């Protein structure tokens, strides 16, 4: 991966991209609860519902992923004129998606999927839908909507097909031809075994099961077999690039000149709902941003790794993706870069919106030792994410004198970021982290030593303050003094 190009794209260029999403718009609803007993009426678990959540689904989830990546997004499709449409509009407004192209039809109902979750396990899904093809007038309206966007200027088009009626053969062929006429990439997230209606598109993103269905094959999820199926489909349907998402095997892109394999990145897989939408959105926006095929696949694969580690349909946010890519760079031995205050604030807001508890602590962490690690592990165990505010070199000198720090700020940050208990590291140059804490607003502010909660800087911007005792016998000063003694004694 060309990290400089990718990071510049995600931090500077992505905001200017305009992407149209066309397809089957849905609403996903989640009923979360606890299962503690079996029903006396039938041998089924009783789920006591504790909270409900509604999120964008189908083509709307693709649009939500693009919005979370901070593109300019335009959504087209059809829904009913019902209560679920009202919920959809609220959700679309919240993330800033332009939905003028989502037609409201009195003779339709808004497609809704309701999932019942017990703990972290999906127990049941209920689908409310009556799929039907577009009416002639609806086709005309959607064509006019897309034509207007093309004239105004677009950077790419995504077709999100869930076989609910919007993506009819002739209409989709018209969209693909419009993309060619305007020299824009058109990506299709397909449905069904016959890909004739997608003929001539630039990218198609089946999962492994969909690839097997299109190839009428039941082969194993192995590189050779996937490449063979993708190559045959690419030639048969004149598709420029076939990108197969392969669950634990990652992703594979095949075209007439390249074969790109990208291994999976997720450590834990909780839910694959919406992962295909994430891949489609991230891949297309990377390509629209003129990233190379290799880098675009890499970025999309990282995004998929994030979303499958979440429960339910979840759009990947730009800051999360940037953080994941930075972490991967570090694993590959590339130069480390800490997150900016703006990036960490936005990332914290994303975590908080997902109901994930954020812990913050700060320090110099010069000559990292086991006492530091134990302290950080205890802090991390208080929540879902641990953010470490790290004093810059100038800040350390003001606190500890001109002989400190012994280790450069970026090196200290790099070592901290490598710890499994640390989710993010951000530098601060002030004498106290108060202003940084105000930006992040953590749920829990952790301080080590013999402080009292009312003495901790920044406490007014945190949900609560926790004091964690340091491990006896461990300190940077102690390490330095031992080295000095050994030098004086001629033993070092």
Protein backbone atom coordinates (compact mmCIF):
# COMPACT_ATOMS: atom_id res chain seq x y z
CA UNK A 1 0.00 0.00 0.00
CA UNK A 2 1.19 3.51 -0.82
CA UNK A 3 0.49 4.90 2.66
CA UNK A 4 1.17 8.53 1.79
CA UNK A 5 -1.29 8.47 -1.12
CA UNK A 6 -3.97 6.60 0.84
CA UNK A 7 -3.66 8.80 3.93
CA UNK A 8 -3.81 11.96 1.81
CA UNK A 9 -6.91 10.59 0.10
CA UNK A 10 -8.68 9.82 3.40
CA UNK A 11 -7.73 13.08 5.08
CA UNK A 12 -8.00 15.58 2.22
CA UNK A 13 -9.63 14.36 -1.00
CA UNK A 14 -12.48 12.09 0.06
CA UNK A 15 -14.73 14.98 1.19
CA UNK A 16 -15.04 16.27 -2.38
CA UNK A 17 -16.24 13.03 -3.97
CA UNK A 18 -19.85 12.77 -5.17
CA UNK A 19 -21.26 9.25 -5.34
CA UNK A 20 -24.73 8.09 -6.44
CA UNK A 21 -26.20 4.91 -4.95
CA UNK A 22 -29.12 3.26 -6.72
CA UNK A 23 -30.95 0.15 -5.57
CA UNK A 24 -33.21 -1.51 -3.04
CA UNK A 25 -33.59 0.80 -0.05
CA UNK A 26 -34.41 -0.86 3.27
CA UNK A 27 -34.78 -0.21 6.98
CA UNK A 28 -33.03 -2.52 9.44
CA UNK A 29 -34.46 -2.73 12.95
CA UNK A 30 -32.78 -4.42 15.92
CA UNK A 31 -34.42 -5.58 19.12
CA UNK A 32 -31.73 -6.25 21.72
CA UNK A 33 -32.42 -8.23 24.86
CA UNK A 34 -31.35 -10.84 27.39
CA UNK A 35 -32.16 -14.55 27.34
CA UNK A 36 -32.38 -16.16 30.76
CA UNK A 37 -35.12 -18.78 30.42
CA UNK A 38 -37.14 -21.01 28.11
CA UNK A 39 -40.78 -20.23 27.41
CA UNK A 40 -43.35 -22.43 29.20
CA UNK A 41 -45.56 -22.14 26.09
CA UNK A 42 -43.09 -23.74 23.66
CA UNK A 43 -39.43 -24.91 23.67
CA UNK A 44 -38.10 -21.48 22.65
CA UNK A 45 -35.94 -18.94 24.51
CA UNK A 46 -37.61 -15.89 26.04
CA UNK A 47 -35.82 -12.70 25.06
CA UNK A 48 -36.47 -9.76 27.39
CA UNK A 49 -36.03 -6.74 25.11
CA UNK A 50 -33.98 -3.95 26.68
CA UNK A 51 -33.48 -1.59 23.73
CA UNK A 52 -34.36 -1.14 20.08
CA UNK A 53 -32.39 0.45 17.26
CA UNK A 54 -33.16 1.37 13.66
CA UNK A 55 -30.45 1.72 11.01
CA UNK A 56 -30.24 2.14 7.26
CA UNK A 57 -30.26 -1.11 5.29
CA UNK A 58 -29.78 -2.39 1.75
CA UNK A 59 -28.81 0.36 -0.70
CA UNK A 60 -29.32 2.85 2.14
CA UNK A 61 -26.59 1.09 4.13
CA UNK A 62 -24.22 1.48 1.18
CA UNK A 63 -25.07 5.18 1.22
CA UNK A 64 -24.57 5.27 5.00
CA UNK A 65 -21.08 3.80 4.59
CA UNK A 66 -20.25 6.48 2.03
CA UNK A 67 -21.61 9.19 4.34
CA UNK A 68 -19.55 7.83 7.24
CA UNK A 69 -16.51 8.06 4.97
CA UNK A 70 -17.57 11.71 4.56
CA UNK A 71 -18.36 11.68 0.82
CA UNK A 72 -21.24 13.59 -0.73
CA UNK A 73 -23.92 10.92 -1.21
CA UNK A 74 -27.05 10.77 -3.37
CA UNK A 75 -29.49 7.87 -2.89
CA UNK A 76 -32.08 6.60 -5.36
CA UNK A 77 -34.77 3.92 -4.98
CA UNK A 78 -38.39 3.42 -3.88
CA UNK A 79 -40.19 3.02 -0.56
CA UNK A 80 -43.70 3.05 0.79
CA UNK A 81 -45.43 6.12 2.23
CA UNK A 82 -45.55 4.68 5.75
CA UNK A 83 -44.11 4.95 9.23
CA UNK A 84 -40.95 3.09 8.30
CA UNK A 85 -40.37 5.63 5.52
CA UNK A 86 -40.50 8.33 8.19
CA UNK A 87 -37.87 6.46 10.21
CA UNK A 88 -35.73 6.17 7.09
CA UNK A 89 -35.94 9.87 6.42
CA UNK A 90 -34.88 10.67 9.97
CA UNK A 91 -31.86 8.39 9.67
CA UNK A 92 -30.91 9.75 6.25
CA UNK A 93 -31.15 13.31 7.54
CA UNK A 94 -28.96 12.47 10.53
CA UNK A 95 -26.04 11.36 8.35
CA UNK A 96 -26.50 13.97 5.63
CA UNK A 97 -27.56 11.76 2.70
CA UNK A 98 -29.42 13.44 -0.16
CA UNK A 99 -32.52 11.25 -0.72
CA UNK A 100 -34.44 13.26 -3.28
CA UNK A 101 -34.08 10.18 -5.52
CA UNK A 102 -35.86 7.87 -3.05
CA UNK A 103 -39.40 7.89 -4.42
CA UNK A 104 -42.30 7.68 -1.97
CA UNK A 105 -45.01 5.38 -3.39
CA UNK A 106 -48.48 4.93 -1.93
CA UNK A 107 -48.90 1.42 -3.34
CA UNK A 108 -45.66 0.09 -1.80
CA UNK A 109 -44.46 -0.66 1.70
CA UNK A 110 -41.00 0.20 2.93
CA UNK A 111 -38.88 -2.95 3.00
CA UNK A 112 -37.98 -3.64 6.63
CA UNK A 113 -35.87 -6.35 8.25
CA UNK A 114 -36.31 -6.91 11.97
CA UNK A 115 -33.62 -8.80 13.87
CA UNK A 116 -33.91 -10.09 17.44
CA UNK A 117 -30.59 -10.20 19.33
CA UNK A 118 -29.96 -12.11 22.53
CA UNK A 119 -26.74 -10.80 24.06
CA UNK A 120 -24.51 -10.69 20.98
CA UNK A 121 -26.23 -13.57 19.16
CA UNK A 122 -28.80 -13.02 16.41
CA UNK A 123 -31.75 -15.26 17.23
CA UNK A 124 -34.37 -14.41 14.62
CA UNK A 125 -34.97 -12.25 11.55
CA UNK A 126 -38.38 -11.10 10.31
CA UNK A 127 -38.70 -9.62 6.79
CA UNK A 128 -41.55 -7.25 5.90
CA UNK A 129 -41.57 -6.84 2.12
CA UNK A 130 -43.53 -7.23 -1.10
CA UNK A 131 -40.96 -7.09 -3.91
CA UNK A 132 -42.21 -5.74 -7.23
CA UNK A 133 -40.70 -4.25 -10.37
CA UNK A 134 -40.54 -0.52 -10.94
CA UNK A 135 -43.54 1.08 -12.60
CA UNK A 136 -42.90 2.89 -15.88
CA UNK A 137 -43.28 6.29 -14.26
CA UNK A 138 -40.87 5.32 -11.47
CA UNK A 139 -38.26 4.33 -14.07
CA UNK A 140 -38.67 7.69 -15.79
CA UNK A 141 -38.30 9.56 -12.50
CA UNK A 142 -35.18 7.66 -11.46
CA UNK A 143 -33.61 8.11 -14.90
CA UNK A 144 -34.23 11.85 -14.70
CA UNK A 145 -32.80 11.95 -11.18
CA UNK A 146 -29.57 10.25 -12.26
CA UNK A 147 -29.31 12.27 -15.48
CA UNK A 148 -29.49 15.50 -13.47
CA UNK A 149 -26.75 14.30 -11.11
CA UNK A 150 -24.53 13.30 -14.03
CA UNK A 151 -24.91 16.73 -15.58
CA UNK A 152 -24.05 18.37 -12.25
CA UNK A 153 -20.99 16.15 -11.82
CA UNK A 154 -20.56 12.72 -10.22
CA UNK A 155 -17.46 10.68 -9.41
CA UNK A 156 -18.99 7.19 -9.36
CA UNK A 157 -22.16 5.07 -9.26
CA UNK A 158 -23.01 2.08 -7.08
CA UNK A 159 -25.84 -0.32 -7.96
CA UNK A 160 -27.02 -2.17 -4.85
CA UNK A 161 -29.21 -5.09 -5.96
CA UNK A 162 -31.17 -7.08 -3.37
CA UNK A 163 -33.61 -8.51 -5.94
CA UNK A 164 -36.54 -6.46 -4.59
CA UNK A 165 -37.47 -4.88 -7.92
CA UNK A 166 -35.50 -1.67 -8.44
CA UNK A 167 -32.63 -3.25 -10.37
CA UNK A 168 -34.53 -4.48 -13.44
CA UNK A 169 -32.51 -5.60 -16.47
CA UNK A 170 -33.18 -2.76 -18.90
CA UNK A 171 -32.92 -0.07 -16.23
CA UNK A 172 -29.57 -1.34 -14.94
CA UNK A 173 -28.17 -1.58 -18.46
CA UNK A 174 -29.19 2.04 -19.00
CA UNK A 175 -27.35 3.06 -15.80
CA UNK A 176 -24.21 1.19 -16.85
CA UNK A 177 -24.25 2.84 -20.26
CA UNK A 178 -24.64 6.26 -18.63
CA UNK A 179 -21.56 5.55 -16.56
CA UNK A 180 -19.60 4.71 -19.70
CA UNK A 181 -20.83 7.85 -21.45
CA UNK A 182 -19.64 10.01 -18.57
CA UNK A 183 -16.48 7.90 -18.00
CA UNK A 184 -17.42 7.10 -14.40
CA UNK A 185 -16.79 3.82 -12.57
CA UNK A 186 -19.95 1.78 -12.06
CA UNK A 187 -19.84 -0.86 -9.32
CA UNK A 188 -22.50 -3.53 -8.84
CA UNK A 189 -23.24 -5.45 -5.66
CA UNK A 190 -25.08 -8.34 -7.35
CA UNK A 191 -27.92 -10.69 -6.56
CA UNK A 192 -28.85 -13.96 -8.27
CA UNK A 193 -27.08 -16.42 -10.53
CA UNK A 194 -27.62 -14.62 -13.86
CA UNK A 195 -25.41 -11.56 -14.24
CA UNK A 196 -26.59 -10.67 -17.73
CA UNK A 197 -28.15 -7.41 -16.59
CA UNK A 198 -24.79 -6.33 -15.14
CA UNK A 199 -22.96 -6.86 -18.44
CA UNK A 200 -20.30 -4.28 -19.08
CA UNK A 201 -20.06 -2.84 -15.55
CA UNK A 202 -16.66 -1.83 -14.24
CA UNK A 203 -16.74 -3.71 -10.93
CA UNK A 204 -18.89 -6.42 -9.42
CA UNK A 205 -18.54 -7.52 -5.78
CA UNK A 206 -20.10 -10.94 -5.09
CA UNK A 207 -19.41 -12.83 -1.90
CA UNK A 208 -18.09 -16.37 -2.24
CA UNK A 209 -21.56 -17.95 -2.11
CA UNK A 210 -22.84 -15.57 -4.80
CA UNK A 211 -19.79 -16.27 -6.94
CA UNK A 212 -20.45 -20.01 -6.72
CA UNK A 213 -24.10 -19.48 -7.67
CA UNK A 214 -23.17 -17.39 -10.70
CA UNK A 215 -20.63 -20.04 -11.75
CA UNK A 216 -23.01 -22.94 -10.96
CA UNK A 217 -20.21 -24.45 -8.88
CA UNK A 218 -19.81 -25.91 -5.40
CA UNK A 219 -16.04 -25.65 -5.09
CA UNK A 220 -13.98 -24.96 -1.98
CA UNK A 221 -13.02 -21.42 -0.99
CA UNK A 222 -9.51 -21.79 -2.41
CA UNK A 223 -7.51 -19.26 -4.43
CA UNK A 224 -7.32 -21.33 -7.61
CA UNK A 225 -11.04 -22.10 -7.70
CA UNK A 226 -12.05 -18.51 -6.92
CA UNK A 227 -9.78 -17.13 -9.64
CA UNK A 228 -11.15 -19.63 -12.16
CA UNK A 229 -14.78 -18.74 -11.40
CA UNK A 230 -14.09 -15.00 -11.40
CA UNK A 231 -12.15 -15.16 -14.66
CA UNK A 232 -14.93 -17.09 -16.40
CA UNK A 233 -17.58 -14.61 -15.17
CA UNK A 234 -15.43 -11.65 -16.14
CA UNK A 235 -15.15 -12.91 -19.72
CA UNK A 236 -18.73 -14.15 -20.02
CA UNK A 237 -20.34 -10.90 -18.89
CA UNK A 238 -17.65 -8.51 -20.15
CA UNK A 239 -17.11 -7.16 -16.64
CA UNK A 240 -13.84 -5.29 -16.20
CA UNK A 241 -13.16 -6.41 -12.60
CA UNK A 242 -14.64 -9.17 -10.44
CA UNK A 243 -14.00 -8.71 -6.71
CA UNK A 244 -14.94 -11.71 -4.55
CA UNK A 245 -15.34 -11.26 -0.79
CA UNK A 246 -14.34 -14.53 0.83
CA UNK A 247 -15.11 -14.28 4.57
CA UNK A 248 -12.10 -15.59 6.52
CA UNK A 249 -10.05 -15.76 3.30
CA UNK A 250 -10.28 -12.02 2.66
CA UNK A 251 -10.84 -10.64 -0.85
CA UNK A 252 -9.73 -11.48 -4.39
CA UNK A 253 -9.82 -9.19 -7.43
CA UNK A 254 -9.58 -10.60 -10.94
CA UNK A 255 -9.37 -8.76 -14.25
CA UNK A 256 -7.78 -9.47 -17.61
CA UNK A 257 -4.34 -8.43 -16.36
CA UNK A 258 -4.28 -8.75 -12.57
CA UNK A 259 -5.03 -11.16 -9.76
CA UNK A 260 -4.96 -9.52 -6.32
CA UNK A 261 -5.40 -11.54 -3.14
CA UNK A 262 -5.92 -9.63 0.12
CA UNK A 263 -6.08 -11.66 3.38
CA UNK A 264 -8.77 -11.08 5.99
CA UNK A 265 -7.98 -8.65 8.81
CA UNK A 266 -10.70 -9.14 11.44
CA UNK A 267 -9.53 -10.81 14.67
CA UNK A 268 -13.09 -11.53 15.81
CA UNK A 269 -16.20 -11.97 13.65
CA UNK A 270 -19.49 -11.14 15.38
CA UNK A 271 -21.82 -10.38 12.46
CA UNK A 272 -21.35 -10.25 8.68
CA UNK A 273 -24.56 -8.22 8.17
CA UNK A 274 -23.83 -5.37 5.78
CA UNK A 275 -20.21 -6.36 5.13
CA UNK A 276 -20.85 -6.53 1.39
CA UNK A 277 -22.31 -3.01 1.49
CA UNK A 278 -19.17 -1.79 3.23
CA UNK A 279 -16.90 -3.36 0.63
CA UNK A 280 -18.94 -1.92 -2.23
CA UNK A 281 -18.91 1.60 -0.76
CA UNK A 282 -15.27 1.67 0.25
CA UNK A 283 -13.97 0.08 -2.94
CA UNK A 284 -15.91 2.42 -5.23
CA UNK A 285 -14.96 5.57 -3.33
CA UNK A 286 -11.30 4.56 -3.33
CA UNK A 287 -11.44 3.99 -7.07
CA UNK A 288 -13.32 7.26 -7.63
CA UNK A 289 -10.52 8.90 -5.64
CA UNK A 290 -8.02 7.52 -8.17
CA UNK A 291 -6.30 5.04 -5.83
CA UNK A 292 -4.62 2.11 -7.52
CA UNK A 293 -6.47 -1.20 -7.74
CA UNK A 294 -4.10 -2.71 -5.18
CA UNK A 295 -4.64 0.11 -2.71
CA UNK A 296 -8.41 0.24 -3.30
CA UNK A 297 -8.80 -3.48 -2.56
CA UNK A 298 -6.56 -3.14 0.49
CA UNK A 299 -8.61 -0.25 1.89
CA UNK A 300 -11.93 -2.03 1.23
CA UNK A 301 -10.61 -5.17 2.92
CA UNK A 302 -9.62 -3.20 6.01
CA UNK A 303 -13.09 -1.66 6.13
CA UNK A 304 -14.69 -5.11 5.94
CA UNK A 305 -12.50 -6.25 8.84
CA UNK A 306 -13.88 -3.43 10.97
CA UNK A 307 -17.56 -4.02 10.18
CA UNK A 308 -17.65 -7.79 10.82
CA UNK A 309 -16.29 -7.17 14.32
CA UNK A 310 -19.45 -5.18 15.12
CA UNK A 311 -22.93 -6.50 15.93
CA UNK A 312 -25.54 -5.62 13.33
CA UNK A 313 -25.50 -3.40 10.26
CA UNK A 314 -22.75 -0.83 10.83
CA UNK A 315 -21.20 1.84 8.57
CA UNK A 316 -17.43 2.21 8.81
CA UNK A 317 -16.34 5.74 9.66
CA UNK A 318 -13.45 7.52 8.01
CA UNK A 319 -11.55 7.93 11.29
CA UNK A 320 -11.90 4.23 12.13
CA UNK A 321 -10.60 3.28 8.72
CA UNK A 322 -7.71 5.71 8.96
CA UNK A 323 -6.80 4.32 12.39
CA UNK A 324 -6.93 0.74 11.12
CA UNK A 325 -4.70 1.60 8.17
CA UNK A 326 -2.22 3.39 10.44
CA UNK A 327 -2.08 0.33 12.68
CA UNK A 328 -1.44 -1.93 9.71
CA UNK A 329 1.38 0.35 8.57
CA UNK A 330 3.00 -0.03 11.98
CA UNK A 331 2.75 -3.83 11.77
CA UNK A 332 4.54 -3.62 8.44
CA UNK A 333 7.32 -1.51 9.95
CA UNK A 334 6.34 1.74 8.23
CA UNK A 335 6.80 5.15 9.89
CA UNK A 336 4.31 5.75 12.68
CA UNK A 337 1.89 8.70 12.76
CA UNK A 338 -0.24 9.62 15.77
CA UNK A 339 -3.84 10.70 15.30
CA UNK A 340 -4.60 14.42 15.26
CA UNK A 341 -6.91 15.98 17.85
CA UNK A 342 -9.63 16.29 15.22
CA UNK A 343 -9.28 12.63 14.23
CA UNK A 344 -9.32 11.32 17.80
CA UNK A 345 -12.31 13.52 18.71
CA UNK A 346 -14.28 12.22 15.76
CA UNK A 347 -13.22 8.63 16.46
CA UNK A 348 -14.31 8.97 20.10
CA UNK A 349 -17.67 10.35 18.96
CA UNK A 350 -18.10 7.33 16.69
CA UNK A 351 -17.34 4.88 19.49
CA UNK A 352 -19.67 6.72 21.84
CA UNK A 353 -22.50 6.65 19.30
CA UNK A 354 -22.10 2.86 19.17
CA UNK A 355 -22.53 2.68 22.95
CA UNK A 356 -18.87 1.73 23.49
CA UNK A 357 -17.27 3.02 26.72
CA UNK A 358 -14.16 5.18 26.25
CA UNK A 359 -11.32 5.32 28.78
CA UNK A 360 -8.65 8.04 28.75
CA UNK A 361 -5.35 8.31 30.54
CA UNK A 362 -2.23 10.35 29.98
CA UNK A 363 1.44 10.48 30.81
CA UNK A 364 5.02 10.75 29.56
CA UNK A 365 5.66 6.97 29.33
CA UNK A 366 9.39 7.49 28.96
CA UNK A 367 11.24 4.14 28.94
CA UNK A 368 8.09 2.01 28.93
CA UNK A 369 8.28 -0.73 31.57
CA UNK A 370 6.10 -3.44 33.09
CA UNK A 371 4.60 -1.00 35.58
CA UNK A 372 3.31 1.12 32.71
CA UNK A 373 1.90 -1.92 30.91
CA UNK A 374 0.12 -3.22 33.99
CA UNK A 375 -1.38 0.21 34.61
CA UNK A 376 -2.58 0.52 31.00
CA UNK A 377 -4.09 -2.96 31.05
CA UNK A 378 -6.06 -2.11 34.19
CA UNK A 379 -7.26 1.12 32.57
CA UNK A 380 -8.34 -0.69 29.40
CA UNK A 381 -10.34 -3.21 31.39
CA UNK A 382 -12.61 -0.40 32.58
CA UNK A 383 -14.10 0.12 29.11
CA UNK A 384 -14.14 -0.82 25.45
CA UNK A 385 -11.50 1.60 24.13
CA UNK A 386 -8.39 3.12 25.75
CA UNK A 387 -7.04 6.43 24.46
CA UNK A 388 -3.63 7.54 25.71
CA UNK A 389 -2.71 11.22 25.78
CA UNK A 390 1.06 11.44 25.47
CA UNK A 391 3.15 14.45 26.52
CA UNK A 392 5.27 15.86 23.69
CA UNK A 393 9.02 16.15 24.22
CA UNK A 394 8.68 19.87 24.97
CA UNK A 395 5.97 19.17 27.53
CA UNK A 396 8.09 16.49 29.23
CA UNK A 397 11.08 18.86 29.46
CA UNK A 398 8.95 21.48 31.20
CA UNK A 399 7.74 18.86 33.68
CA UNK A 400 10.90 16.84 34.30
CA UNK A 401 13.86 18.98 33.24
CA UNK A 402 16.15 19.28 30.23
CA UNK A 403 17.53 15.74 30.54
CA UNK A 404 14.15 14.19 29.76
CA UNK A 405 12.62 12.56 27.86
CA UNK A 406 15.12 9.86 27.04
CA UNK A 407 12.96 8.59 24.17
CA UNK A 408 11.57 10.76 21.33
CA UNK A 409 7.82 11.45 21.41
CA UNK A 410 7.06 9.52 18.19
CA UNK A 411 9.06 6.53 19.41
CA UNK A 412 7.19 6.59 22.73
CA UNK A 413 3.91 6.84 20.83
CA UNK A 414 4.85 3.98 18.53
CA UNK A 415 5.65 1.64 21.44
CA UNK A 416 2.41 2.54 23.22
CA UNK A 417 0.35 2.01 20.07
CA UNK A 418 1.81 -1.49 19.70
CA UNK A 419 0.24 -2.58 22.99
CA UNK A 420 -2.92 -4.62 22.58
CA UNK A 421 -4.66 -2.69 25.38
CA UNK A 422 -4.17 0.71 23.70
CA UNK A 423 -6.61 1.74 20.96
CA UNK A 424 -5.22 5.16 20.09
CA UNK A 425 -2.38 7.54 21.01
CA UNK A 426 -2.56 11.30 20.65
CA UNK A 427 0.09 13.90 21.51
CA UNK A 428 -0.53 17.02 23.62
CA UNK A 429 1.90 19.88 24.17
CA UNK A 430 0.20 21.58 27.12
CA UNK A 431 1.29 21.14 30.74
CA UNK A 432 -1.99 19.33 31.46
CA UNK A 433 -4.28 17.28 29.21
CA UNK A 434 -7.37 19.28 30.17
CA UNK A 435 -8.04 20.70 26.72
CA UNK A 436 -7.50 17.31 25.07
CA UNK A 437 -9.89 15.69 27.53
CA UNK A 438 -12.44 18.40 26.72
CA UNK A 439 -12.15 17.43 23.05
CA UNK A 440 -12.53 13.68 23.68
CA UNK A 441 -14.96 13.72 26.65
CA UNK A 442 -14.21 10.15 27.80
CA UNK A 443 -16.60 8.08 29.87
CA UNK A 444 -13.81 7.28 32.33
CA UNK A 445 -10.72 9.37 33.10
CA UNK A 446 -7.95 7.29 34.70
CA UNK A 447 -5.04 8.61 36.74
CA UNK A 448 -2.32 6.67 38.48
CA UNK A 449 -0.75 7.12 41.90
CA UNK A 450 -2.09 8.74 45.05
CA UNK A 451 -4.25 11.42 43.43
CA UNK A 452 -7.73 12.16 44.70
CA UNK A 453 -10.43 12.36 42.00
CA UNK A 454 -11.07 16.06 42.68
CA UNK A 455 -7.38 16.81 41.94
CA UNK A 456 -7.28 15.24 38.47
CA UNK A 457 -6.91 17.71 35.58
CA UNK A 458 -9.75 17.57 33.06
CA UNK A 459 -12.13 15.76 35.41
CA UNK A 460 -14.98 18.16 34.54
CA UNK A 461 -15.04 16.81 30.97
CA UNK A 462 -15.21 13.09 31.87
CA UNK A 463 -18.09 10.92 32.99
CA UNK A 464 -16.15 9.71 36.03
CA UNK A 465 -12.61 9.57 37.43
CA UNK A 466 -10.85 6.37 38.52
CA UNK A 467 -7.54 6.19 40.39
CA UNK A 468 -5.32 3.18 39.73
CA UNK A 469 -2.33 2.51 41.96
CA UNK A 470 1.05 2.09 40.28
CA UNK A 471 2.91 -1.21 40.59
CA UNK A 472 5.42 -1.03 43.44
CA UNK A 473 9.07 -1.14 42.43
CA UNK A 474 8.60 0.12 38.88
CA UNK A 475 9.41 3.62 37.62
CA UNK A 476 11.36 5.27 34.83
CA UNK A 477 13.36 7.19 37.42
CA UNK A 478 14.30 3.90 39.06
CA UNK A 479 15.46 2.47 35.73
CA UNK A 480 17.58 5.56 35.03
CA UNK A 481 19.13 5.50 38.52
CA UNK A 482 20.02 1.83 38.15
CA UNK A 483 21.74 2.52 34.82
CA UNK A 484 23.71 5.40 36.40
CA UNK A 485 24.85 3.16 39.26
CA UNK A 486 25.95 0.45 36.86
CA UNK A 487 27.94 2.96 34.82
CA UNK A 488 29.60 4.39 37.95
CA UNK A 489 30.51 0.88 39.10
CA UNK A 490 32.00 0.10 35.69
CA UNK A 491 29.52 -2.71 35.09
CA UNK A 492 27.93 -1.12 32.06
